[in-house]
């Protein structure tokens, strides 16, 4: 009996790994690029558009596409980041209209970026001003060109729900977004809870998770979060698109080096490789610990078992 127990343990571990493989998707049509320009963009941008990339769409917080990506197969999604002070400004509408008239397919646009936030990239605008801008510049894109509209992407804080409700009240029925973008930076349990709350509040709209990461945690925690959230988002039918916030080098990351998709040298981390639909690289971003390196090695074992199971 003693000689059988190690074999049983081996088969049990193998069964767990195979279950993990079946739960993970190396590829997903939902994945997009949340593009953040940096001093390394000129050398790193080709990574996101390479033949081995699993990405299908991108946004850059602007109304115009990024030149280094615009010639790729990635679908560009314009964003009305904030709101102009002039009540006659039509810059966003005119820019998107120009793209459409120029032959570019624009099936979606995104609304205001974290309008309830006044730090760390939030556009910090009132619900009233946002509603006025939306009715003037965003809603006509749906009526004239059939573009599907993404609601304002509020922060993951409770104030986000308050702001969004104030926005719809100010719209008085004249704003008709088709989907709800979601931002969240925290644990997997927090992300899952927040997504559930958003879906319960707006059950008639699909959802895009346009910014998410577990900020300022260890590499092991970052990788565990990525694997859990990726499998979770791919299973949810009402989540049609998602974009992980980490498409930059670890030494410029504002969510912690271990959440980044690239090392400080511009190499794909395990998270970066997984997100592009590739196998783990074992590349550890600057700031990773020895414990995290062992986790990366374990990821290689999982990948090997998955590859064996596929063949």
C-alpha atoms as a PDB file:
ATOM      1  CA  UNK A   1       0.000   0.000   0.000  1.00  0.00           C
ATOM      2  CA  UNK A   2       2.844   2.390   0.802  1.00  0.00           C
ATOM      3  CA  UNK A   3       4.141   2.105  -2.765  1.00  0.00           C
ATOM      4  CA  UNK A   4       0.726   3.014  -4.180  1.00  0.00           C
ATOM      5  CA  UNK A   5       0.299   6.264  -2.240  1.00  0.00           C
ATOM      6  CA  UNK A   6       2.952   8.302  -4.153  1.00  0.00           C
ATOM      7  CA  UNK A   7       1.336   7.236  -7.412  1.00  0.00           C
ATOM      8  CA  UNK A   8      -2.053   8.317  -6.126  1.00  0.00           C
ATOM      9  CA  UNK A   9      -0.632  11.676  -5.139  1.00  0.00           C
ATOM     10  CA  UNK A  10       0.916  12.043  -8.584  1.00  0.00           C
ATOM     11  CA  UNK A  11      -2.371  11.263 -10.310  1.00  0.00           C
ATOM     12  CA  UNK A  12      -4.237  13.620  -7.973  1.00  0.00           C
ATOM     13  CA  UNK A  13      -1.833  16.465  -8.750  1.00  0.00           C
ATOM     14  CA  UNK A  14      -2.089  15.710 -12.461  1.00  0.00           C
ATOM     15  CA  UNK A  15      -5.901  15.775 -12.231  1.00  0.00           C
ATOM     16  CA  UNK A  16      -5.789  19.170 -10.527  1.00  0.00           C
ATOM     17  CA  UNK A  17      -3.462  20.528 -13.203  1.00  0.00           C
ATOM     18  CA  UNK A  18      -5.682  19.194 -15.982  1.00  0.00           C
ATOM     19  CA  UNK A  19      -8.704  20.819 -14.355  1.00  0.00           C
ATOM     20  CA  UNK A  20      -6.758  24.068 -14.195  1.00  0.00           C
ATOM     21  CA  UNK A  21      -5.915  23.739 -17.898  1.00  0.00           C
ATOM     22  CA  UNK A  22      -9.553  23.261 -18.845  1.00  0.00           C
ATOM     23  CA  UNK A  23     -10.509  26.344 -16.833  1.00  0.00           C
ATOM     24  CA  UNK A  24      -7.889  28.557 -18.480  1.00  0.00           C
ATOM     25  CA  UNK A  25      -8.184  30.036 -21.956  1.00  0.00           C
ATOM     26  CA  UNK A  26      -4.924  30.791 -23.682  1.00  0.00           C
ATOM     27  CA  UNK A  27      -6.942  32.655 -26.283  1.00  0.00           C
ATOM     28  CA  UNK A  28     -10.017  34.868 -26.045  1.00  0.00           C
ATOM     29  CA  UNK A  29     -11.723  37.170 -28.530  1.00  0.00           C
ATOM     30  CA  UNK A  30     -12.703  39.453 -25.628  1.00  0.00           C
ATOM     31  CA  UNK A  31      -9.195  40.724 -24.921  1.00  0.00           C
ATOM     32  CA  UNK A  32      -8.193  44.239 -25.869  1.00  0.00           C
ATOM     33  CA  UNK A  33      -5.354  46.655 -25.304  1.00  0.00           C
ATOM     34  CA  UNK A  34      -5.655  49.537 -22.868  1.00  0.00           C
ATOM     35  CA  UNK A  35      -2.911  51.546 -24.529  1.00  0.00           C
ATOM     36  CA  UNK A  36      -0.820  53.827 -22.329  1.00  0.00           C
ATOM     37  CA  UNK A  37       1.939  55.760 -24.100  1.00  0.00           C
ATOM     38  CA  UNK A  38       5.371  55.861 -22.453  1.00  0.00           C
ATOM     39  CA  UNK A  39       8.958  56.688 -23.304  1.00  0.00           C
ATOM     40  CA  UNK A  40       9.338  53.072 -24.478  1.00  0.00           C
ATOM     41  CA  UNK A  41       6.350  53.094 -26.841  1.00  0.00           C
ATOM     42  CA  UNK A  42       8.413  53.313 -30.020  1.00  0.00           C
ATOM     43  CA  UNK A  43      10.140  50.016 -29.233  1.00  0.00           C
ATOM     44  CA  UNK A  44       7.309  48.229 -27.431  1.00  0.00           C
ATOM     45  CA  UNK A  45       4.243  48.939 -29.599  1.00  0.00           C
ATOM     46  CA  UNK A  46       5.045  46.164 -32.070  1.00  0.00           C
ATOM     47  CA  UNK A  47       4.596  43.614 -29.259  1.00  0.00           C
ATOM     48  CA  UNK A  48       0.853  44.263 -29.108  1.00  0.00           C
ATOM     49  CA  UNK A  49       0.359  43.909 -32.871  1.00  0.00           C
ATOM     50  CA  UNK A  50       2.631  40.916 -33.490  1.00  0.00           C
ATOM     51  CA  UNK A  51       1.319  37.803 -35.201  1.00  0.00           C
ATOM     52  CA  UNK A  52       1.386  36.005 -31.864  1.00  0.00           C
ATOM     53  CA  UNK A  53      -0.896  38.515 -30.158  1.00  0.00           C
ATOM     54  CA  UNK A  54      -4.392  37.498 -29.095  1.00  0.00           C
ATOM     55  CA  UNK A  55      -5.685  41.077 -28.889  1.00  0.00           C
ATOM     56  CA  UNK A  56      -8.618  42.137 -31.071  1.00  0.00           C
ATOM     57  CA  UNK A  57      -9.269  45.790 -30.127  1.00  0.00           C
ATOM     58  CA  UNK A  58      -7.713  48.755 -28.367  1.00  0.00           C
ATOM     59  CA  UNK A  59      -8.376  52.197 -26.952  1.00  0.00           C
ATOM     60  CA  UNK A  60      -5.973  54.962 -26.026  1.00  0.00           C
ATOM     61  CA  UNK A  61      -8.137  57.449 -24.068  1.00  0.00           C
ATOM     62  CA  UNK A  62      -8.382  59.599 -27.197  1.00  0.00           C
ATOM     63  CA  UNK A  63     -10.667  60.147 -30.172  1.00  0.00           C
ATOM     64  CA  UNK A  64      -7.924  59.440 -32.734  1.00  0.00           C
ATOM     65  CA  UNK A  65      -6.025  56.179 -33.235  1.00  0.00           C
ATOM     66  CA  UNK A  66      -2.380  55.635 -32.289  1.00  0.00           C
ATOM     67  CA  UNK A  67      -0.273  55.853 -35.442  1.00  0.00           C
ATOM     68  CA  UNK A  68       1.975  52.892 -34.612  1.00  0.00           C
ATOM     69  CA  UNK A  69      -1.066  50.627 -34.123  1.00  0.00           C
ATOM     70  CA  UNK A  70      -3.554  52.073 -36.610  1.00  0.00           C
ATOM     71  CA  UNK A  71      -2.298  49.883 -39.464  1.00  0.00           C
ATOM     72  CA  UNK A  72      -2.779  46.666 -37.497  1.00  0.00           C
ATOM     73  CA  UNK A  73      -5.765  44.344 -37.228  1.00  0.00           C
ATOM     74  CA  UNK A  74      -6.738  45.768 -33.832  1.00  0.00           C
ATOM     75  CA  UNK A  75     -10.117  47.508 -33.862  1.00  0.00           C
ATOM     76  CA  UNK A  76      -9.788  51.083 -32.602  1.00  0.00           C
ATOM     77  CA  UNK A  77     -12.357  52.325 -30.064  1.00  0.00           C
ATOM     78  CA  UNK A  78     -12.433  56.150 -29.692  1.00  0.00           C
ATOM     79  CA  UNK A  79     -13.009  57.699 -26.277  1.00  0.00           C
ATOM     80  CA  UNK A  80     -14.540  60.989 -25.197  1.00  0.00           C
ATOM     81  CA  UNK A  81     -12.151  61.334 -22.241  1.00  0.00           C
ATOM     82  CA  UNK A  82     -13.550  64.492 -20.636  1.00  0.00           C
ATOM     83  CA  UNK A  83     -15.899  67.329 -21.476  1.00  0.00           C
ATOM     84  CA  UNK A  84     -15.079  70.639 -23.202  1.00  0.00           C
ATOM     85  CA  UNK A  85     -16.127  73.812 -21.419  1.00  0.00           C
ATOM     86  CA  UNK A  86     -17.853  75.226 -24.492  1.00  0.00           C
ATOM     87  CA  UNK A  87     -21.445  74.081 -24.976  1.00  0.00           C
ATOM     88  CA  UNK A  88     -20.980  74.277 -28.744  1.00  0.00           C
ATOM     89  CA  UNK A  89     -17.762  72.240 -28.982  1.00  0.00           C
ATOM     90  CA  UNK A  90     -18.124  69.302 -31.398  1.00  0.00           C
ATOM     91  CA  UNK A  91     -14.522  68.128 -31.532  1.00  0.00           C
ATOM     92  CA  UNK A  92     -15.183  64.528 -30.476  1.00  0.00           C
ATOM     93  CA  UNK A  93     -18.131  64.037 -32.804  1.00  0.00           C
ATOM     94  CA  UNK A  94     -16.301  65.641 -35.735  1.00  0.00           C
ATOM     95  CA  UNK A  95     -13.198  63.505 -35.161  1.00  0.00           C
ATOM     96  CA  UNK A  96     -15.117  60.229 -35.056  1.00  0.00           C
ATOM     97  CA  UNK A  97     -17.275  61.285 -37.997  1.00  0.00           C
ATOM     98  CA  UNK A  98     -14.093  62.009 -39.957  1.00  0.00           C
ATOM     99  CA  UNK A  99     -12.771  58.497 -39.213  1.00  0.00           C
ATOM    100  CA  UNK A 100     -16.030  56.929 -40.375  1.00  0.00           C
ATOM    101  CA  UNK A 101     -16.242  59.047 -43.517  1.00  0.00           C
ATOM    102  CA  UNK A 102     -12.614  58.183 -44.229  1.00  0.00           C
ATOM    103  CA  UNK A 103     -13.515  54.507 -44.404  1.00  0.00           C
ATOM    104  CA  UNK A 104     -12.534  53.368 -40.920  1.00  0.00           C
ATOM    105  CA  UNK A 105     -14.930  51.033 -39.145  1.00  0.00           C
ATOM    106  CA  UNK A 106     -15.959  52.444 -35.771  1.00  0.00           C
ATOM    107  CA  UNK A 107     -18.493  50.041 -34.226  1.00  0.00           C
ATOM    108  CA  UNK A 108     -18.006  51.353 -30.666  1.00  0.00           C
ATOM    109  CA  UNK A 109     -17.031  54.469 -28.734  1.00  0.00           C
ATOM    110  CA  UNK A 110     -16.336  54.900 -25.025  1.00  0.00           C
ATOM    111  CA  UNK A 111     -17.696  57.617 -22.780  1.00  0.00           C
ATOM    112  CA  UNK A 112     -15.934  59.695 -20.139  1.00  0.00           C
ATOM    113  CA  UNK A 113     -12.940  58.291 -18.257  1.00  0.00           C
ATOM    114  CA  UNK A 114     -13.508  58.152 -14.481  1.00  0.00           C
ATOM    115  CA  UNK A 115     -15.539  61.383 -14.402  1.00  0.00           C
ATOM    116  CA  UNK A 116     -16.131  60.914 -10.673  1.00  0.00           C
ATOM    117  CA  UNK A 117     -12.367  60.887 -10.015  1.00  0.00           C
ATOM    118  CA  UNK A 118     -10.182  63.972  -9.754  1.00  0.00           C
ATOM    119  CA  UNK A 119      -6.813  62.194  -9.332  1.00  0.00           C
ATOM    120  CA  UNK A 120      -4.801  59.547 -11.205  1.00  0.00           C
ATOM    121  CA  UNK A 121      -6.218  60.174 -14.662  1.00  0.00           C
ATOM    122  CA  UNK A 122      -9.837  60.856 -13.767  1.00  0.00           C
ATOM    123  CA  UNK A 123     -11.576  63.432 -15.959  1.00  0.00           C
ATOM    124  CA  UNK A 124     -13.280  65.010 -12.915  1.00  0.00           C
ATOM    125  CA  UNK A 125     -16.452  66.436 -14.459  1.00  0.00           C
ATOM    126  CA  UNK A 126     -19.953  66.941 -13.136  1.00  0.00           C
ATOM    127  CA  UNK A 127     -22.757  64.621 -14.117  1.00  0.00           C
ATOM    128  CA  UNK A 128     -24.674  67.577 -15.540  1.00  0.00           C
ATOM    129  CA  UNK A 129     -21.827  68.665 -17.833  1.00  0.00           C
ATOM    130  CA  UNK A 130     -21.226  65.070 -18.901  1.00  0.00           C
ATOM    131  CA  UNK A 131     -24.906  64.635 -19.807  1.00  0.00           C
ATOM    132  CA  UNK A 132     -24.937  67.836 -21.865  1.00  0.00           C
ATOM    133  CA  UNK A 133     -21.769  66.789 -23.706  1.00  0.00           C
ATOM    134  CA  UNK A 134     -23.080  63.262 -24.303  1.00  0.00           C
ATOM    135  CA  UNK A 135     -26.366  64.468 -25.793  1.00  0.00           C
ATOM    136  CA  UNK A 136     -24.519  66.890 -28.080  1.00  0.00           C
ATOM    137  CA  UNK A 137     -21.498  64.811 -29.201  1.00  0.00           C
ATOM    138  CA  UNK A 138     -21.924  61.133 -28.338  1.00  0.00           C
ATOM    139  CA  UNK A 139     -25.592  60.257 -28.835  1.00  0.00           C
ATOM    140  CA  UNK A 140     -25.634  61.520 -32.475  1.00  0.00           C
ATOM    141  CA  UNK A 141     -23.020  58.895 -33.395  1.00  0.00           C
ATOM    142  CA  UNK A 142     -25.565  56.205 -32.559  1.00  0.00           C
ATOM    143  CA  UNK A 143     -28.440  57.905 -34.324  1.00  0.00           C
ATOM    144  CA  UNK A 144     -26.526  58.790 -37.495  1.00  0.00           C
ATOM    145  CA  UNK A 145     -24.018  55.934 -37.822  1.00  0.00           C
ATOM    146  CA  UNK A 146     -25.278  53.102 -35.611  1.00  0.00           C
ATOM    147  CA  UNK A 147     -22.231  53.279 -33.336  1.00  0.00           C
ATOM    148  CA  UNK A 148     -22.705  51.394 -30.065  1.00  0.00           C
ATOM    149  CA  UNK A 149     -22.020  53.567 -27.044  1.00  0.00           C
ATOM    150  CA  UNK A 150     -20.154  52.818 -23.842  1.00  0.00           C
ATOM    151  CA  UNK A 151     -21.456  54.596 -20.731  1.00  0.00           C
ATOM    152  CA  UNK A 152     -19.114  56.744 -18.624  1.00  0.00           C
ATOM    153  CA  UNK A 153     -16.438  54.550 -17.011  1.00  0.00           C
ATOM    154  CA  UNK A 154     -16.629  55.531 -13.353  1.00  0.00           C
ATOM    155  CA  UNK A 155     -14.165  54.445 -10.668  1.00  0.00           C
ATOM    156  CA  UNK A 156     -14.725  51.260  -8.700  1.00  0.00           C
ATOM    157  CA  UNK A 157     -15.618  53.218  -5.563  1.00  0.00           C
ATOM    158  CA  UNK A 158     -19.169  53.573  -4.176  1.00  0.00           C
ATOM    159  CA  UNK A 159     -19.142  57.169  -5.449  1.00  0.00           C
ATOM    160  CA  UNK A 160     -18.999  55.766  -8.961  1.00  0.00           C
ATOM    161  CA  UNK A 161     -22.515  54.367  -8.641  1.00  0.00           C
ATOM    162  CA  UNK A 162     -23.747  57.679  -7.241  1.00  0.00           C
ATOM    163  CA  UNK A 163     -22.178  59.678 -10.078  1.00  0.00           C
ATOM    164  CA  UNK A 164     -23.553  57.337 -12.751  1.00  0.00           C
ATOM    165  CA  UNK A 165     -27.067  57.561 -11.352  1.00  0.00           C
ATOM    166  CA  UNK A 166     -26.772  61.364 -11.327  1.00  0.00           C
ATOM    167  CA  UNK A 167     -25.626  61.214 -14.952  1.00  0.00           C
ATOM    168  CA  UNK A 168     -28.681  59.236 -16.079  1.00  0.00           C
ATOM    169  CA  UNK A 169     -30.939  61.559 -14.114  1.00  0.00           C
ATOM    170  CA  UNK A 170     -29.385  64.590 -15.821  1.00  0.00           C
ATOM    171  CA  UNK A 171     -29.793  62.896 -19.215  1.00  0.00           C
ATOM    172  CA  UNK A 172     -33.578  62.716 -18.704  1.00  0.00           C
ATOM    173  CA  UNK A 173     -33.874  59.782 -21.090  1.00  0.00           C
ATOM    174  CA  UNK A 174     -31.717  61.329 -23.824  1.00  0.00           C
ATOM    175  CA  UNK A 175     -28.635  59.144 -23.221  1.00  0.00           C
ATOM    176  CA  UNK A 176     -28.869  55.558 -24.472  1.00  0.00           C
ATOM    177  CA  UNK A 177     -25.563  53.704 -23.875  1.00  0.00           C
ATOM    178  CA  UNK A 178     -25.404  50.097 -25.017  1.00  0.00           C
ATOM    179  CA  UNK A 179     -22.846  48.789 -22.537  1.00  0.00           C
ATOM    180  CA  UNK A 180     -21.276  49.648 -19.173  1.00  0.00           C
ATOM    181  CA  UNK A 181     -17.482  49.966 -18.886  1.00  0.00           C
ATOM    182  CA  UNK A 182     -16.041  48.937 -15.513  1.00  0.00           C
ATOM    183  CA  UNK A 183     -12.796  49.869 -13.723  1.00  0.00           C
ATOM    184  CA  UNK A 184     -11.504  48.021 -10.675  1.00  0.00           C
ATOM    185  CA  UNK A 185      -8.174  47.743  -8.840  1.00  0.00           C
ATOM    186  CA  UNK A 186      -8.225  45.208  -6.037  1.00  0.00           C
ATOM    187  CA  UNK A 187      -8.500  41.530  -5.188  1.00  0.00           C
ATOM    188  CA  UNK A 188     -10.284  38.980  -7.345  1.00  0.00           C
ATOM    189  CA  UNK A 189     -13.044  38.679  -4.758  1.00  0.00           C
ATOM    190  CA  UNK A 190     -13.537  42.449  -4.879  1.00  0.00           C
ATOM    191  CA  UNK A 191     -13.580  42.454  -8.681  1.00  0.00           C
ATOM    192  CA  UNK A 192     -16.141  39.659  -8.853  1.00  0.00           C
ATOM    193  CA  UNK A 193     -18.337  41.389  -6.277  1.00  0.00           C
ATOM    194  CA  UNK A 194     -18.122  44.735  -8.058  1.00  0.00           C
ATOM    195  CA  UNK A 195     -18.971  43.230 -11.443  1.00  0.00           C
ATOM    196  CA  UNK A 196     -21.943  41.459  -9.882  1.00  0.00           C
ATOM    197  CA  UNK A 197     -23.164  44.717  -8.365  1.00  0.00           C
ATOM    198  CA  UNK A 198     -22.837  46.572 -11.661  1.00  0.00           C
ATOM    199  CA  UNK A 199     -24.712  43.826 -13.491  1.00  0.00           C
ATOM    200  CA  UNK A 200     -27.472  43.824 -10.883  1.00  0.00           C
ATOM    201  CA  UNK A 201     -27.790  47.620 -11.175  1.00  0.00           C
ATOM    202  CA  UNK A 202     -27.791  47.683 -14.996  1.00  0.00           C
ATOM    203  CA  UNK A 203     -29.037  44.206 -16.007  1.00  0.00           C
ATOM    204  CA  UNK A 204     -30.142  45.265 -19.481  1.00  0.00           C
ATOM    205  CA  UNK A 205     -26.674  46.282 -20.648  1.00  0.00           C
ATOM    206  CA  UNK A 206     -23.633  44.211 -21.469  1.00  0.00           C
ATOM    207  CA  UNK A 207     -20.334  45.068 -19.830  1.00  0.00           C
ATOM    208  CA  UNK A 208     -16.753  45.923 -20.800  1.00  0.00           C
ATOM    209  CA  UNK A 209     -14.067  45.729 -18.109  1.00  0.00           C
ATOM    210  CA  UNK A 210     -11.774  48.401 -19.538  1.00  0.00           C
ATOM    211  CA  UNK A 211      -9.330  48.751 -16.627  1.00  0.00           C
ATOM    212  CA  UNK A 212      -8.545  46.111 -14.026  1.00  0.00           C
ATOM    213  CA  UNK A 213      -5.553  44.866 -12.042  1.00  0.00           C
ATOM    214  CA  UNK A 214      -4.561  43.970  -8.501  1.00  0.00           C
ATOM    215  CA  UNK A 215      -2.431  46.989  -7.696  1.00  0.00           C
ATOM    216  CA  UNK A 216       0.775  47.026  -5.643  1.00  0.00           C
ATOM    217  CA  UNK A 217       0.914  43.383  -4.603  1.00  0.00           C
ATOM    218  CA  UNK A 218       3.528  40.648  -5.030  1.00  0.00           C
ATOM    219  CA  UNK A 219       4.175  38.828  -8.288  1.00  0.00           C
ATOM    220  CA  UNK A 220       2.546  35.685  -6.931  1.00  0.00           C
ATOM    221  CA  UNK A 221      -0.582  37.622  -5.975  1.00  0.00           C
ATOM    222  CA  UNK A 222      -0.612  39.429  -9.335  1.00  0.00           C
ATOM    223  CA  UNK A 223      -0.345  36.193 -11.297  1.00  0.00           C
ATOM    224  CA  UNK A 224      -2.970  34.448  -9.195  1.00  0.00           C
ATOM    225  CA  UNK A 225      -5.308  37.416  -9.670  1.00  0.00           C
ATOM    226  CA  UNK A 226      -4.725  37.445 -13.411  1.00  0.00           C
ATOM    227  CA  UNK A 227      -5.484  33.740 -13.822  1.00  0.00           C
ATOM    228  CA  UNK A 228      -8.607  33.881 -11.678  1.00  0.00           C
ATOM    229  CA  UNK A 229      -9.974  37.040 -13.296  1.00  0.00           C
ATOM    230  CA  UNK A 230      -9.226  35.946 -16.858  1.00  0.00           C
ATOM    231  CA  UNK A 231     -11.101  32.659 -16.401  1.00  0.00           C
ATOM    232  CA  UNK A 232     -13.955  34.484 -14.642  1.00  0.00           C
ATOM    233  CA  UNK A 233     -14.346  37.182 -17.315  1.00  0.00           C
ATOM    234  CA  UNK A 234     -14.259  34.660 -20.129  1.00  0.00           C
ATOM    235  CA  UNK A 235     -17.087  32.697 -18.494  1.00  0.00           C
ATOM    236  CA  UNK A 236     -19.410  35.679 -18.061  1.00  0.00           C
ATOM    237  CA  UNK A 237     -21.633  35.993 -21.120  1.00  0.00           C
ATOM    238  CA  UNK A 238     -22.559  39.591 -20.319  1.00  0.00           C
ATOM    239  CA  UNK A 239     -18.894  40.659 -20.305  1.00  0.00           C
ATOM    240  CA  UNK A 240     -18.092  41.007 -23.993  1.00  0.00           C
ATOM    241  CA  UNK A 241     -14.741  42.850 -23.828  1.00  0.00           C
ATOM    242  CA  UNK A 242     -11.973  43.305 -21.279  1.00  0.00           C
ATOM    243  CA  UNK A 243      -8.603  45.047 -21.158  1.00  0.00           C
ATOM    244  CA  UNK A 244      -6.058  44.399 -18.419  1.00  0.00           C
ATOM    245  CA  UNK A 245      -4.286  47.494 -17.132  1.00  0.00           C
ATOM    246  CA  UNK A 246      -0.639  46.625 -17.463  1.00  0.00           C
ATOM    247  CA  UNK A 247       0.507  47.092 -21.078  1.00  0.00           C
ATOM    248  CA  UNK A 248       3.723  48.877 -20.100  1.00  0.00           C
ATOM    249  CA  UNK A 249       7.112  48.200 -18.542  1.00  0.00           C
ATOM    250  CA  UNK A 250       7.403  47.364 -14.872  1.00  0.00           C
ATOM    251  CA  UNK A 251       9.658  50.316 -14.062  1.00  0.00           C
ATOM    252  CA  UNK A 252       6.994  52.842 -15.157  1.00  0.00           C
ATOM    253  CA  UNK A 253       3.952  50.990 -13.818  1.00  0.00           C
ATOM    254  CA  UNK A 254       1.655  53.015 -11.578  1.00  0.00           C
ATOM    255  CA  UNK A 255      -0.076  49.869 -10.306  1.00  0.00           C
ATOM    256  CA  UNK A 256       3.108  48.202  -9.082  1.00  0.00           C
ATOM    257  CA  UNK A 257       5.879  46.484 -11.074  1.00  0.00           C
ATOM    258  CA  UNK A 258       4.492  42.982 -10.629  1.00  0.00           C
ATOM    259  CA  UNK A 259       1.205  43.785 -12.380  1.00  0.00           C
ATOM    260  CA  UNK A 260       2.982  44.885 -15.562  1.00  0.00           C
ATOM    261  CA  UNK A 261       2.894  42.949 -18.823  1.00  0.00           C
ATOM    262  CA  UNK A 262       6.500  43.861 -19.648  1.00  0.00           C
ATOM    263  CA  UNK A 263       9.705  43.752 -17.640  1.00  0.00           C
ATOM    264  CA  UNK A 264      11.874  46.816 -17.232  1.00  0.00           C
ATOM    265  CA  UNK A 265      13.765  45.591 -20.330  1.00  0.00           C
ATOM    266  CA  UNK A 266      10.651  45.315 -22.486  1.00  0.00           C
ATOM    267  CA  UNK A 267      10.310  41.515 -22.287  1.00  0.00           C
ATOM    268  CA  UNK A 268       6.926  39.867 -21.846  1.00  0.00           C
ATOM    269  CA  UNK A 269       6.259  38.800 -18.279  1.00  0.00           C
ATOM    270  CA  UNK A 270       4.197  35.696 -17.642  1.00  0.00           C
ATOM    271  CA  UNK A 271       1.085  37.871 -17.303  1.00  0.00           C
ATOM    272  CA  UNK A 272       1.911  39.662 -20.549  1.00  0.00           C
ATOM    273  CA  UNK A 273       2.473  36.400 -22.406  1.00  0.00           C
ATOM    274  CA  UNK A 274      -0.701  34.825 -21.052  1.00  0.00           C
ATOM    275  CA  UNK A 275      -2.716  37.881 -21.988  1.00  0.00           C
ATOM    276  CA  UNK A 276      -1.453  37.693 -25.575  1.00  0.00           C
ATOM    277  CA  UNK A 277      -2.420  34.005 -25.747  1.00  0.00           C
ATOM    278  CA  UNK A 278       1.119  32.676 -25.336  1.00  0.00           C
ATOM    279  CA  UNK A 279       2.948  30.388 -22.906  1.00  0.00           C
ATOM    280  CA  UNK A 280       4.631  31.646 -19.755  1.00  0.00           C
ATOM    281  CA  UNK A 281       8.045  33.240 -20.270  1.00  0.00           C
ATOM    282  CA  UNK A 282       9.471  33.086 -16.753  1.00  0.00           C
ATOM    283  CA  UNK A 283      10.620  36.717 -17.131  1.00  0.00           C
ATOM    284  CA  UNK A 284      10.398  38.413 -13.724  1.00  0.00           C
ATOM    285  CA  UNK A 285       9.665  42.156 -13.662  1.00  0.00           C
ATOM    286  CA  UNK A 286      11.826  44.469 -11.606  1.00  0.00           C
ATOM    287  CA  UNK A 287      10.662  44.265  -8.022  1.00  0.00           C
ATOM    288  CA  UNK A 288       9.781  40.537  -8.087  1.00  0.00           C
ATOM    289  CA  UNK A 289      10.779  38.427  -5.089  1.00  0.00           C
ATOM    290  CA  UNK A 290      12.396  34.999  -4.856  1.00  0.00           C
ATOM    291  CA  UNK A 291       9.045  33.549  -3.819  1.00  0.00           C
ATOM    292  CA  UNK A 292       7.513  34.997  -6.977  1.00  0.00           C
ATOM    293  CA  UNK A 293      10.216  33.359  -9.102  1.00  0.00           C
ATOM    294  CA  UNK A 294       9.178  29.948  -7.760  1.00  0.00           C
ATOM    295  CA  UNK A 295       5.573  30.716  -8.709  1.00  0.00           C
ATOM    296  CA  UNK A 296       6.690  31.569 -12.233  1.00  0.00           C
ATOM    297  CA  UNK A 297       8.430  28.205 -12.419  1.00  0.00           C
ATOM    298  CA  UNK A 298       5.223  26.491 -11.298  1.00  0.00           C
ATOM    299  CA  UNK A 299       3.405  28.271 -14.113  1.00  0.00           C
ATOM    300  CA  UNK A 300       5.824  26.653 -16.567  1.00  0.00           C
ATOM    301  CA  UNK A 301       4.943  23.224 -15.113  1.00  0.00           C
ATOM    302  CA  UNK A 302       1.236  23.983 -15.570  1.00  0.00           C
ATOM    303  CA  UNK A 303       1.863  25.114 -19.141  1.00  0.00           C
ATOM    304  CA  UNK A 304       3.779  21.889 -19.862  1.00  0.00           C
ATOM    305  CA  UNK A 305       0.932  19.744 -18.537  1.00  0.00           C
ATOM    306  CA  UNK A 306      -1.593  21.743 -20.583  1.00  0.00           C
ATOM    307  CA  UNK A 307       0.523  21.276 -23.706  1.00  0.00           C
ATOM    308  CA  UNK A 308       0.777  17.542 -23.042  1.00  0.00           C
ATOM    309  CA  UNK A 309      -3.002  17.313 -22.519  1.00  0.00           C
ATOM    310  CA  UNK A 310      -3.649  19.141 -25.792  1.00  0.00           C
ATOM    311  CA  UNK A 311      -1.525  16.606 -27.715  1.00  0.00           C
END
